Protein backbone atom coordinates (compact mmCIF):
# COMPACT_ATOMS: atom_id res chain seq x y z
CA UNK A 1 14.37 14.67 6.55
CA UNK A 2 15.86 14.53 3.08
CA UNK A 3 13.66 13.54 0.28
CA UNK A 4 15.42 10.11 -0.56
CA UNK A 5 14.83 9.00 3.02
CA UNK A 6 11.30 10.18 2.97
CA UNK A 7 10.72 8.58 -0.45
CA UNK A 8 11.97 5.27 0.97
CA UNK A 9 9.71 5.55 3.95
CA UNK A 10 6.80 6.31 1.73
CA UNK A 11 7.52 3.28 -0.47
CA UNK A 12 7.53 1.06 2.54
CA UNK A 13 4.23 2.46 3.77
CA UNK A 14 2.64 1.86 0.31
CA UNK A 15 3.69 -1.85 0.57
CA UNK A 16 1.91 -2.20 3.91
CA UNK A 17 -1.17 -0.15 2.98
CA UNK A 18 -1.55 0.83 -0.64
CA UNK A 19 -3.36 4.25 -0.05
CA UNK A 20 -1.45 7.24 -1.11
CA UNK A 21 -3.22 9.59 1.32
CA UNK A 22 -2.44 7.46 4.23
CA UNK A 23 1.16 6.85 3.36
CA UNK A 24 1.75 10.60 2.80
CA UNK A 25 0.20 11.43 6.18
CA UNK A 26 2.31 8.78 7.82
CA UNK A 27 5.68 10.18 6.48
CA UNK A 28 4.53 13.87 6.76
CA UNK A 29 4.35 15.06 3.20
CA UNK A 30 1.41 16.29 1.11
CA UNK A 31 -0.18 14.34 -1.75
CA UNK A 32 0.94 17.24 -3.94
CA UNK A 33 4.48 16.62 -3.12
CA UNK A 34 4.07 12.96 -3.68
CA UNK A 35 2.62 13.60 -7.17
CA UNK A 36 5.28 16.07 -7.89
CA UNK A 37 7.99 13.57 -7.00
CA UNK A 38 6.18 10.90 -9.06
CA UNK A 39 5.96 13.10 -12.12
CA UNK A 40 9.66 14.36 -11.94
CA UNK A 41 11.42 11.18 -10.89
CA UNK A 42 11.05 8.19 -13.28
CA UNK A 43 12.73 5.69 -10.93
CA UNK A 44 10.58 6.85 -7.95
CA UNK A 45 7.46 6.56 -10.15
CA UNK A 46 8.29 2.98 -11.09
CA UNK A 47 9.08 2.17 -7.51
CA UNK A 48 5.75 3.56 -6.39
CA UNK A 49 3.95 1.43 -8.97
CA UNK A 50 5.67 -1.60 -7.76
CA UNK A 51 5.11 -0.82 -4.11
CA UNK A 52 1.34 -0.27 -4.84
CA UNK A 53 1.09 -3.62 -6.61
CA UNK A 54 2.88 -5.34 -3.71
CA UNK A 55 0.58 -3.57 -1.27
CA UNK A 56 -2.55 -4.56 -3.10
CA UNK A 57 -1.38 -8.19 -3.36
CA UNK A 58 -0.60 -8.18 0.37
CA UNK A 59 -4.11 -6.80 1.18
CA UNK A 60 -5.73 -9.44 -1.10
CA UNK A 61 -3.67 -12.16 0.76
CA UNK A 62 -4.83 -10.96 4.16
CA UNK A 63 -8.41 -10.80 3.02
CA UNK A 64 -8.32 -14.34 1.59
CA UNK A 65 -6.69 -15.63 4.83
CA UNK A 66 -9.52 -14.08 6.84
CA UNK A 67 -12.12 -15.63 4.53
CA UNK A 68 -10.37 -19.06 4.81
CA UNK A 69 -10.35 -18.73 8.67
CA UNK A 70 -14.05 -17.89 8.74
CA UNK A 71 -14.82 -20.85 6.42
CA UNK A 72 -12.86 -23.17 8.80
CA UNK A 73 -15.20 -21.82 11.64
CA UNK A 74 -18.16 -22.75 9.50
CA UNK A 75 -19.28 -19.16 9.13
CA UNK A 76 -21.98 -19.68 6.54
CA UNK A 77 -21.76 -16.05 5.37
CA UNK A 78 -18.03 -16.66 4.47
CA UNK A 79 -18.97 -20.01 2.77
CA UNK A 80 -21.70 -18.28 0.73
CA UNK A 81 -18.85 -15.93 -0.77
């Protein structure tokens, strides 16, 4: 695969799960390669930062939804949170 395609796949993975190691494993590159790309390519670096922010917001939304569902079921552990 060419690096632009891999970079795009990597950004999509980071949006789903904002963990660099996991995203790198999924697309078949090393963390070293990831950080080299991030240092050398300003546009990619900015896109990575945005993808990570999106991914973190997504994870927070999922966690909040799970918490709300537990509260609806009157799970007192969830209500205490």
